[in-house]
Amino acid sequence: MTVEIAVIAEQPLDLAAHLAAVEHTGAGAVASFLGIVRDHDPGATGEVTRLEYSAHPSAPEVLARIAGDLDRPELRIAVSHRIGSLVVGDAAIVACVSSAHRAEAFDVCRELVERVKHELPVWKRQHAADGTTNWVGIS
């Protein structure tokens, strides 16, 4: 199995650890994505000051399944998503994919991130500077 990391984490995410997890002598390319908490969002009423991520108990298994669905012998995959309280500038998701060639690394990394965004049962509550909050991902 070439899924090296697939974790729902309460602690800060470590990009260097994800990069190291996908390194190997056959990798000519590593594509990475770092999703950072920003200070604005169209759904917020004002400046975003922090996010609270919560996850369904099945989230670790879903994340492992998503990464496993993309797994191929020539790839190595590392992906983690934070839960808990994050402030502006914190990493909410880290995804790294290594492969022999850049196109495949880019394509799989993008698909990984898009699938995590759409399939992972994780929701966020945005907190704005004016004290208002709103949920994202709850339907």
N, C-alpha and C. Protein backbone atom coordinates (compact mmCIF):
# COMPACT_ATOMS: atom_id res chain seq x y z
N MET A 1 0.85 -1.18 0.00
CA MET A 1 0.00 0.00 0.00
C MET A 1 0.88 1.24 0.00
N THR A 2 0.55 2.19 -0.81
CA THR A 2 1.37 3.40 -0.92
C THR A 2 0.70 4.62 -0.29
N VAL A 3 -0.37 4.41 0.46
CA VAL A 3 -0.93 5.51 1.25
C VAL A 3 -0.13 5.53 2.55
N GLU A 4 0.72 6.53 2.66
CA GLU A 4 1.63 6.61 3.80
C GLU A 4 0.98 7.26 5.02
N ILE A 5 0.14 8.27 4.77
CA ILE A 5 -0.55 8.98 5.85
C ILE A 5 -1.98 9.26 5.39
N ALA A 6 -2.94 8.99 6.26
CA ALA A 6 -4.35 9.38 6.05
C ALA A 6 -4.92 9.58 7.45
N VAL A 7 -4.87 10.83 7.94
CA VAL A 7 -5.12 11.11 9.35
C VAL A 7 -6.08 12.29 9.52
N ILE A 8 -6.99 12.15 10.47
CA ILE A 8 -7.77 13.27 11.00
C ILE A 8 -7.05 13.66 12.28
N ALA A 9 -6.59 14.90 12.36
CA ALA A 9 -5.69 15.29 13.45
C ALA A 9 -6.22 16.47 14.26
N GLU A 10 -6.02 16.39 15.57
CA GLU A 10 -6.34 17.51 16.44
C GLU A 10 -5.15 18.43 16.63
N GLN A 11 -3.97 17.97 16.26
CA GLN A 11 -2.75 18.76 16.41
C GLN A 11 -2.40 19.45 15.10
N PRO A 12 -1.57 20.50 15.13
CA PRO A 12 -1.16 21.16 13.89
C PRO A 12 -0.56 20.17 12.90
N LEU A 13 -0.81 20.42 11.63
CA LEU A 13 -0.34 19.55 10.56
C LEU A 13 1.09 19.93 10.18
N ASP A 14 1.88 18.92 9.84
CA ASP A 14 3.29 19.10 9.54
C ASP A 14 3.54 18.79 8.06
N LEU A 15 3.69 19.84 7.26
CA LEU A 15 3.95 19.66 5.84
C LEU A 15 5.22 18.86 5.60
N ALA A 16 6.28 19.15 6.34
CA ALA A 16 7.55 18.44 6.15
C ALA A 16 7.39 16.94 6.38
N ALA A 17 6.59 16.55 7.35
CA ALA A 17 6.38 15.12 7.62
C ALA A 17 5.64 14.46 6.46
N HIS A 18 4.70 15.17 5.86
CA HIS A 18 3.96 14.63 4.72
C HIS A 18 4.87 14.50 3.50
N LEU A 19 5.70 15.51 3.27
CA LEU A 19 6.66 15.44 2.17
C LEU A 19 7.63 14.28 2.36
N ALA A 20 8.14 14.12 3.57
CA ALA A 20 9.07 13.03 3.85
C ALA A 20 8.40 11.67 3.67
N ALA A 21 7.12 11.58 3.99
CA ALA A 21 6.41 10.30 3.89
C ALA A 21 6.27 9.82 2.45
N VAL A 22 6.25 10.75 1.49
CA VAL A 22 6.06 10.35 0.09
C VAL A 22 7.36 10.29 -0.70
N GLU A 23 8.48 10.65 -0.08
CA GLU A 23 9.77 10.59 -0.77
C GLU A 23 10.17 9.15 -1.07
N HIS A 24 10.72 8.93 -2.25
CA HIS A 24 11.34 7.66 -2.59
C HIS A 24 12.18 7.85 -3.85
N THR A 25 13.05 6.93 -4.11
CA THR A 25 14.03 7.10 -5.19
C THR A 25 13.39 7.09 -6.58
N GLY A 26 12.21 6.53 -6.72
CA GLY A 26 11.53 6.53 -8.02
C GLY A 26 10.67 7.76 -8.26
N ALA A 27 10.58 8.64 -7.27
CA ALA A 27 9.73 9.83 -7.40
C ALA A 27 10.49 10.95 -8.08
N GLY A 28 10.04 11.32 -9.26
CA GLY A 28 10.60 12.47 -9.94
C GLY A 28 9.80 13.73 -9.69
N ALA A 29 8.66 13.57 -9.01
CA ALA A 29 7.79 14.71 -8.75
C ALA A 29 7.03 14.51 -7.45
N VAL A 30 6.84 15.60 -6.72
CA VAL A 30 5.98 15.63 -5.55
C VAL A 30 5.09 16.85 -5.69
N ALA A 31 3.78 16.62 -5.71
CA ALA A 31 2.82 17.72 -5.72
C ALA A 31 2.24 17.81 -4.32
N SER A 32 2.08 19.03 -3.85
CA SER A 32 1.51 19.21 -2.51
C SER A 32 0.47 20.31 -2.53
N PHE A 33 -0.43 20.21 -1.55
CA PHE A 33 -1.46 21.23 -1.35
C PHE A 33 -1.54 21.49 0.14
N LEU A 34 -1.57 22.75 0.48
CA LEU A 34 -1.70 23.18 1.86
C LEU A 34 -2.89 24.12 1.91
N GLY A 35 -3.96 23.70 2.56
CA GLY A 35 -5.16 24.54 2.71
C GLY A 35 -5.06 25.32 4.00
N ILE A 36 -5.05 26.63 3.90
CA ILE A 36 -4.80 27.53 5.02
C ILE A 36 -6.09 28.27 5.40
N VAL A 37 -6.30 28.46 6.70
CA VAL A 37 -7.44 29.26 7.17
C VAL A 37 -7.18 30.71 6.78
N ARG A 38 -8.16 31.30 6.07
CA ARG A 38 -8.02 32.70 5.62
C ARG A 38 -8.95 33.60 6.44
N ASP A 39 -8.78 34.89 6.28
CA ASP A 39 -9.54 35.86 7.08
C ASP A 39 -10.86 36.30 6.45
N HIS A 40 -11.27 35.63 5.39
CA HIS A 40 -12.53 36.02 4.74
C HIS A 40 -13.18 34.81 4.10
N ASP A 41 -14.48 34.91 3.90
CA ASP A 41 -15.25 33.87 3.23
C ASP A 41 -16.57 34.49 2.81
N PRO A 42 -17.06 34.14 1.62
CA PRO A 42 -18.34 34.72 1.18
C PRO A 42 -19.50 34.43 2.13
N GLY A 43 -19.44 33.34 2.89
CA GLY A 43 -20.52 33.01 3.81
C GLY A 43 -20.43 33.68 5.16
N ALA A 44 -19.33 34.35 5.44
CA ALA A 44 -19.15 35.02 6.73
C ALA A 44 -19.66 36.46 6.63
N THR A 45 -20.13 36.98 7.76
CA THR A 45 -20.65 38.35 7.77
C THR A 45 -19.56 39.39 7.89
N GLY A 46 -18.38 39.01 8.24
CA GLY A 46 -17.27 39.95 8.38
C GLY A 46 -15.95 39.19 8.34
N GLU A 47 -14.94 39.80 8.92
CA GLU A 47 -13.61 39.18 8.93
C GLU A 47 -13.64 37.88 9.74
N VAL A 48 -13.14 36.81 9.14
CA VAL A 48 -13.07 35.51 9.82
C VAL A 48 -11.86 35.53 10.76
N THR A 49 -12.09 35.14 12.01
CA THR A 49 -11.01 35.11 12.99
C THR A 49 -10.54 33.70 13.32
N ARG A 50 -11.46 32.73 13.21
CA ARG A 50 -11.08 31.34 13.46
C ARG A 50 -12.15 30.41 12.90
N LEU A 51 -11.77 29.15 12.79
CA LEU A 51 -12.68 28.10 12.35
C LEU A 51 -12.67 26.99 13.38
N GLU A 52 -13.81 26.35 13.55
CA GLU A 52 -13.89 25.14 14.36
C GLU A 52 -14.31 24.02 13.44
N TYR A 53 -13.43 23.03 13.27
CA TYR A 53 -13.75 21.87 12.45
C TYR A 53 -14.21 20.73 13.35
N SER A 54 -15.29 20.08 12.95
CA SER A 54 -15.73 18.87 13.64
C SER A 54 -15.92 17.78 12.60
N ALA A 55 -15.78 16.54 13.05
CA ALA A 55 -15.82 15.41 12.12
C ALA A 55 -16.76 14.33 12.64
N HIS A 56 -17.40 13.66 11.72
CA HIS A 56 -18.17 12.47 12.03
C HIS A 56 -17.19 11.39 12.47
N PRO A 57 -17.61 10.47 13.35
CA PRO A 57 -16.69 9.40 13.77
C PRO A 57 -16.15 8.55 12.62
N SER A 58 -16.84 8.52 11.48
CA SER A 58 -16.36 7.73 10.34
C SER A 58 -15.30 8.45 9.51
N ALA A 59 -14.98 9.70 9.84
CA ALA A 59 -14.06 10.49 9.02
C ALA A 59 -12.70 9.83 8.78
N PRO A 60 -12.07 9.22 9.79
CA PRO A 60 -10.77 8.57 9.50
C PRO A 60 -10.88 7.47 8.44
N GLU A 61 -11.93 6.67 8.52
CA GLU A 61 -12.12 5.60 7.53
C GLU A 61 -12.43 6.17 6.16
N VAL A 62 -13.22 7.24 6.10
CA VAL A 62 -13.55 7.86 4.82
C VAL A 62 -12.29 8.44 4.18
N LEU A 63 -11.45 9.11 4.98
CA LEU A 63 -10.21 9.68 4.45
C LEU A 63 -9.30 8.58 3.92
N ALA A 64 -9.19 7.49 4.65
CA ALA A 64 -8.37 6.36 4.19
C ALA A 64 -8.93 5.77 2.90
N ARG A 65 -10.25 5.69 2.79
CA ARG A 65 -10.87 5.15 1.58
C ARG A 65 -10.60 6.06 0.38
N ILE A 66 -10.74 7.36 0.57
CA ILE A 66 -10.49 8.31 -0.52
C ILE A 66 -9.06 8.16 -1.01
N ALA A 67 -8.11 8.17 -0.08
CA ALA A 67 -6.70 8.02 -0.47
C ALA A 67 -6.46 6.66 -1.13
N GLY A 68 -7.07 5.63 -0.58
CA GLY A 68 -6.91 4.29 -1.14
C GLY A 68 -7.49 4.15 -2.53
N ASP A 69 -8.60 4.85 -2.80
CA ASP A 69 -9.20 4.82 -4.13
C ASP A 69 -8.25 5.36 -5.19
N LEU A 70 -7.38 6.28 -4.81
CA LEU A 70 -6.45 6.91 -5.75
C LEU A 70 -5.10 6.21 -5.80
N ASP A 71 -4.92 5.27 -4.93
CA ASP A 71 -3.64 4.57 -4.79
C ASP A 71 -3.30 3.75 -6.02
N ARG A 72 -2.06 3.86 -6.44
CA ARG A 72 -1.50 3.04 -7.53
C ARG A 72 -0.06 2.71 -7.13
N PRO A 73 0.47 1.64 -7.65
CA PRO A 73 1.83 1.23 -7.24
C PRO A 73 2.89 2.31 -7.42
N GLU A 74 2.76 3.16 -8.43
CA GLU A 74 3.80 4.16 -8.70
C GLU A 74 3.64 5.44 -7.87
N LEU A 75 2.61 5.50 -7.02
CA LEU A 75 2.34 6.69 -6.22
C LEU A 75 2.64 6.45 -4.75
N ARG A 76 2.88 7.56 -4.06
CA ARG A 76 2.81 7.57 -2.60
C ARG A 76 1.95 8.77 -2.23
N ILE A 77 1.07 8.55 -1.26
CA ILE A 77 0.07 9.55 -0.88
C ILE A 77 0.13 9.80 0.61
N ALA A 78 0.06 11.07 1.00
CA ALA A 78 -0.04 11.47 2.40
C ALA A 78 -1.06 12.60 2.48
N VAL A 79 -2.07 12.44 3.35
CA VAL A 79 -3.11 13.46 3.48
C VAL A 79 -3.61 13.48 4.92
N SER A 80 -3.80 14.70 5.44
CA SER A 80 -4.34 14.88 6.79
C SER A 80 -5.28 16.08 6.79
N HIS A 81 -6.30 16.00 7.64
CA HIS A 81 -7.23 17.11 7.82
C HIS A 81 -7.33 17.41 9.31
N ARG A 82 -7.28 18.67 9.66
CA ARG A 82 -7.39 19.10 11.05
C ARG A 82 -8.83 19.12 11.50
N ILE A 83 -9.02 18.92 12.80
CA ILE A 83 -10.28 19.21 13.46
C ILE A 83 -9.94 20.03 14.69
N GLY A 84 -10.96 20.64 15.29
CA GLY A 84 -10.75 21.50 16.44
C GLY A 84 -10.72 22.96 16.02
N SER A 85 -10.19 23.79 16.89
CA SER A 85 -10.16 25.24 16.67
C SER A 85 -8.88 25.65 15.95
N LEU A 86 -9.03 26.34 14.82
CA LEU A 86 -7.90 26.82 14.02
C LEU A 86 -8.03 28.33 13.85
N VAL A 87 -6.91 29.02 13.87
CA VAL A 87 -6.91 30.46 13.65
C VAL A 87 -6.40 30.75 12.24
N VAL A 88 -6.57 31.98 11.81
CA VAL A 88 -6.11 32.41 10.50
C VAL A 88 -4.61 32.09 10.39
N GLY A 89 -4.26 31.44 9.28
CA GLY A 89 -2.87 31.04 9.05
C GLY A 89 -2.59 29.59 9.35
N ASP A 90 -3.46 28.92 10.13
CA ASP A 90 -3.27 27.50 10.41
C ASP A 90 -3.60 26.67 9.17
N ALA A 91 -2.94 25.52 9.07
CA ALA A 91 -3.24 24.58 7.98
C ALA A 91 -4.42 23.70 8.37
N ALA A 92 -5.42 23.65 7.48
CA ALA A 92 -6.59 22.81 7.70
C ALA A 92 -6.44 21.46 7.00
N ILE A 93 -5.72 21.43 5.90
CA ILE A 93 -5.49 20.19 5.16
C ILE A 93 -4.09 20.23 4.55
N VAL A 94 -3.44 19.07 4.55
CA VAL A 94 -2.17 18.87 3.86
C VAL A 94 -2.32 17.63 3.00
N ALA A 95 -1.96 17.76 1.74
CA ALA A 95 -2.00 16.61 0.82
C ALA A 95 -0.71 16.62 0.01
N CYS A 96 -0.06 15.47 -0.06
CA CYS A 96 1.16 15.31 -0.86
C CYS A 96 1.06 14.01 -1.65
N VAL A 97 1.46 14.08 -2.91
CA VAL A 97 1.46 12.91 -3.78
C VAL A 97 2.78 12.90 -4.54
N SER A 98 3.47 11.76 -4.51
CA SER A 98 4.68 11.62 -5.32
C SER A 98 4.44 10.59 -6.40
N SER A 99 5.10 10.82 -7.54
CA SER A 99 5.04 9.89 -8.66
C SER A 99 6.30 10.09 -9.51
N ALA A 100 6.43 9.26 -10.51
CA ALA A 100 7.60 9.38 -11.38
C ALA A 100 7.56 10.67 -12.19
N HIS A 101 6.35 11.14 -12.52
CA HIS A 101 6.21 12.29 -13.42
C HIS A 101 5.26 13.34 -12.83
N ARG A 102 5.50 14.60 -13.15
CA ARG A 102 4.76 15.71 -12.56
C ARG A 102 3.28 15.71 -12.88
N ALA A 103 2.91 15.39 -14.11
CA ALA A 103 1.50 15.46 -14.49
C ALA A 103 0.65 14.56 -13.60
N GLU A 104 1.11 13.35 -13.38
CA GLU A 104 0.35 12.42 -12.54
C GLU A 104 0.30 12.92 -11.09
N ALA A 105 1.41 13.43 -10.58
CA ALA A 105 1.44 13.95 -9.21
C ALA A 105 0.45 15.10 -9.06
N PHE A 106 0.45 16.05 -10.01
CA PHE A 106 -0.50 17.16 -9.96
C PHE A 106 -1.93 16.68 -10.03
N ASP A 107 -2.21 15.81 -11.00
CA ASP A 107 -3.58 15.34 -11.22
C ASP A 107 -4.13 14.59 -10.01
N VAL A 108 -3.35 13.70 -9.45
CA VAL A 108 -3.83 12.92 -8.31
C VAL A 108 -3.95 13.79 -7.07
N CYS A 109 -3.03 14.71 -6.87
CA CYS A 109 -3.12 15.60 -5.71
C CYS A 109 -4.39 16.45 -5.79
N ARG A 110 -4.67 16.99 -6.95
CA ARG A 110 -5.89 17.79 -7.11
C ARG A 110 -7.14 16.94 -6.88
N GLU A 111 -7.18 15.75 -7.45
CA GLU A 111 -8.34 14.89 -7.25
C GLU A 111 -8.50 14.51 -5.78
N LEU A 112 -7.39 14.25 -5.11
CA LEU A 112 -7.41 13.93 -3.69
C LEU A 112 -8.05 15.06 -2.89
N VAL A 113 -7.58 16.28 -3.10
CA VAL A 113 -8.10 17.43 -2.36
C VAL A 113 -9.58 17.66 -2.68
N GLU A 114 -9.95 17.58 -3.94
CA GLU A 114 -11.36 17.79 -4.32
C GLU A 114 -12.26 16.73 -3.70
N ARG A 115 -11.81 15.48 -3.70
CA ARG A 115 -12.63 14.42 -3.10
C ARG A 115 -12.73 14.59 -1.59
N VAL A 116 -11.65 14.99 -0.94
CA VAL A 116 -11.71 15.25 0.51
C VAL A 116 -12.73 16.35 0.78
N LYS A 117 -12.67 17.41 0.01
CA LYS A 117 -13.60 18.53 0.22
C LYS A 117 -15.05 18.10 0.06
N HIS A 118 -15.32 17.23 -0.90
CA HIS A 118 -16.71 16.86 -1.19
C HIS A 118 -17.21 15.63 -0.44
N GLU A 119 -16.32 14.73 -0.02
CA GLU A 119 -16.76 13.46 0.56
C GLU A 119 -16.48 13.31 2.05
N LEU A 120 -15.49 14.00 2.56
CA LEU A 120 -15.11 13.80 3.96
C LEU A 120 -16.17 14.42 4.87
N PRO A 121 -16.69 13.66 5.85
CA PRO A 121 -17.71 14.21 6.74
C PRO A 121 -17.08 15.10 7.83
N VAL A 122 -16.63 16.27 7.39
CA VAL A 122 -16.04 17.29 8.26
C VAL A 122 -16.78 18.58 7.98
N TRP A 123 -17.13 19.28 9.05
CA TRP A 123 -17.87 20.53 8.92
C TRP A 123 -17.10 21.63 9.64
N LYS A 124 -17.29 22.86 9.19
CA LYS A 124 -16.59 23.96 9.86
C LYS A 124 -17.58 25.04 10.29
N ARG A 125 -17.29 25.59 11.44
CA ARG A 125 -18.04 26.73 11.98
C ARG A 125 -17.11 27.92 11.93
N GLN A 126 -17.50 28.92 11.14
CA GLN A 126 -16.69 30.12 11.00
C GLN A 126 -17.06 31.12 12.08
N HIS A 127 -16.05 31.72 12.67
CA HIS A 127 -16.24 32.76 13.67
C HIS A 127 -15.74 34.08 13.08
N ALA A 128 -16.61 35.09 13.09
CA ALA A 128 -16.25 36.40 12.53
C ALA A 128 -15.89 37.37 13.66
N ALA A 129 -15.16 38.41 13.31
CA ALA A 129 -14.71 39.41 14.27
C ALA A 129 -15.87 40.07 15.00
N ASP A 130 -17.04 40.17 14.34
CA ASP A 130 -18.19 40.80 14.97
C ASP A 130 -18.94 39.87 15.92
N GLY A 131 -18.45 38.66 16.14
CA GLY A 131 -19.07 37.72 17.06
C GLY A 131 -20.05 36.76 16.43
N THR A 132 -20.36 36.95 15.16
CA THR A 132 -21.29 36.03 14.50
C THR A 132 -20.57 34.75 14.09
N THR A 133 -21.36 33.69 13.90
CA THR A 133 -20.82 32.42 13.44
C THR A 133 -21.75 31.87 12.37
N ASN A 134 -21.20 31.02 11.53
CA ASN A 134 -22.01 30.28 10.58
C ASN A 134 -21.34 28.96 10.28
N TRP A 135 -22.16 27.96 9.99
CA TRP A 135 -21.69 26.62 9.67
C TRP A 135 -21.53 26.48 8.18
N VAL A 136 -20.50 25.77 7.77
CA VAL A 136 -20.24 25.48 6.37
C VAL A 136 -20.18 23.95 6.24
N GLY A 137 -20.88 23.42 5.24
CA GLY A 137 -20.85 21.99 5.01
C GLY A 137 -22.00 21.25 5.65
N ILE A 138 -22.87 21.97 6.34
CA ILE A 138 -24.07 21.36 6.95
C ILE A 138 -25.22 21.62 6.00
N SER A 139 -25.88 20.55 5.56
CA SER A 139 -27.02 20.76 4.66
C SER A 139 -28.26 20.13 5.24
